[in-house]
């Protein structure tokens, strides 16, 4: 999870307003998601967290593409044989 520190001086402020029967807030330019993007809204204590909603079909397609890419990797070679690692005796470090 990515968390960006925002200092109070940098934080844009806005006010809530009435939109129909709902309370709404305008997202300032630069921190919006774009028009028509589905979002999840959740309360975390005294904070409201808005995140883009995931599209299950898109996530499934990405996973399918990843599996295909992994299956396409060259697996014809053998596992490389290596000499065993010898660790020096260091008394007191267990």
Protein backbone atom coordinates (compact mmCIF):
# COMPACT_ATOMS: atom_id res chain seq x y z
CA UNK A 1 0.00 0.00 0.00
CA UNK A 2 1.33 3.45 -0.92
CA UNK A 3 0.91 6.21 1.62
CA UNK A 4 1.95 9.76 0.71
CA UNK A 5 2.80 12.18 3.48
CA UNK A 6 1.05 15.47 2.93
CA UNK A 7 1.93 18.41 5.08
CA UNK A 8 -0.83 20.78 6.16
CA UNK A 9 0.57 23.64 4.05
CA UNK A 10 0.40 21.45 0.91
CA UNK A 11 -3.08 20.08 1.60
CA UNK A 12 -5.82 21.62 -0.54
CA UNK A 13 -9.05 22.31 1.32
CA UNK A 14 -12.62 22.13 0.14
CA UNK A 15 -16.06 22.11 1.76
CA UNK A 16 -18.89 19.65 1.73
CA UNK A 17 -22.13 20.64 0.00
CA UNK A 18 -25.59 19.25 -0.61
CA UNK A 19 -26.17 17.37 -3.88
CA UNK A 20 -29.73 16.07 -4.06
CA UNK A 21 -30.27 14.13 -0.84
CA UNK A 22 -26.54 13.42 -0.40
CA UNK A 23 -23.60 15.22 1.11
CA UNK A 24 -20.86 15.73 -1.48
CA UNK A 25 -17.34 17.06 -1.78
CA UNK A 26 -15.48 18.44 -4.79
CA UNK A 27 -12.05 16.89 -5.33
CA UNK A 28 -9.51 19.59 -6.14
CA UNK A 29 -7.73 19.51 -9.49
CA UNK A 30 -4.81 17.11 -9.50
CA UNK A 31 -6.17 14.62 -6.96
CA UNK A 32 -9.31 13.46 -8.76
CA UNK A 33 -9.77 10.07 -10.45
CA UNK A 34 -11.41 11.26 -13.66
CA UNK A 35 -15.06 11.53 -14.61
CA UNK A 36 -17.06 8.31 -14.44
CA UNK A 37 -14.46 6.26 -12.52
CA UNK A 38 -16.01 3.87 -9.97
CA UNK A 39 -14.58 4.38 -6.48
CA UNK A 40 -14.86 2.74 -3.07
CA UNK A 41 -15.52 5.04 -0.09
CA UNK A 42 -14.76 3.90 3.45
CA UNK A 43 -14.47 5.56 6.83
CA UNK A 44 -11.24 5.03 8.80
CA UNK A 45 -11.79 6.71 12.17
CA UNK A 46 -12.18 10.42 11.43
CA UNK A 47 -10.85 10.01 7.87
CA UNK A 48 -12.71 9.15 4.68
CA UNK A 49 -10.65 7.09 2.23
CA UNK A 50 -11.54 7.07 -1.48
CA UNK A 51 -9.87 4.46 -3.71
CA UNK A 52 -10.54 3.42 -7.30
CA UNK A 53 -12.77 0.34 -7.41
CA UNK A 54 -11.13 -2.69 -8.93
CA UNK A 55 -12.69 -4.25 -12.01
CA UNK A 56 -12.81 -8.04 -11.43
CA UNK A 57 -12.78 -8.78 -15.18
CA UNK A 58 -9.70 -6.59 -15.68
CA UNK A 59 -7.92 -8.14 -12.68
CA UNK A 60 -8.69 -11.64 -14.05
CA UNK A 61 -7.33 -10.65 -17.48
CA UNK A 62 -4.11 -9.30 -15.91
CA UNK A 63 -3.65 -12.51 -13.91
CA UNK A 64 -4.28 -14.62 -17.03
CA UNK A 65 -1.68 -12.59 -18.97
CA UNK A 66 0.84 -13.06 -16.14
CA UNK A 67 0.29 -16.84 -16.06
CA UNK A 68 0.75 -17.03 -19.82
CA UNK A 69 3.97 -14.99 -19.62
CA UNK A 70 5.33 -17.26 -16.88
CA UNK A 71 4.44 -20.39 -18.84
CA UNK A 72 6.24 -18.96 -21.90
CA UNK A 73 9.54 -18.70 -20.01
CA UNK A 74 12.30 -21.06 -21.13
CA UNK A 75 12.41 -23.96 -18.68
CA UNK A 76 14.49 -26.32 -20.81
CA UNK A 77 17.73 -25.94 -18.82
CA UNK A 78 18.69 -27.87 -15.73
CA UNK A 79 19.04 -26.35 -12.31
CA UNK A 80 22.59 -25.10 -11.90
CA UNK A 81 24.67 -27.24 -9.55
CA UNK A 82 26.71 -25.21 -7.10
CA UNK A 83 29.37 -26.01 -4.56
CA UNK A 84 28.05 -26.03 -0.99
CA UNK A 85 28.71 -22.86 0.99
CA UNK A 86 31.10 -23.28 3.90
CA UNK A 87 30.52 -20.86 6.73
CA UNK A 88 33.52 -19.94 8.90
CA UNK A 89 33.44 -20.98 12.54
CA UNK A 90 32.64 -17.88 14.61
CA UNK A 91 32.30 -18.78 18.28
CA UNK A 92 29.75 -16.78 20.24
CA UNK A 93 27.62 -15.94 17.21
CA UNK A 94 24.74 -18.36 17.32
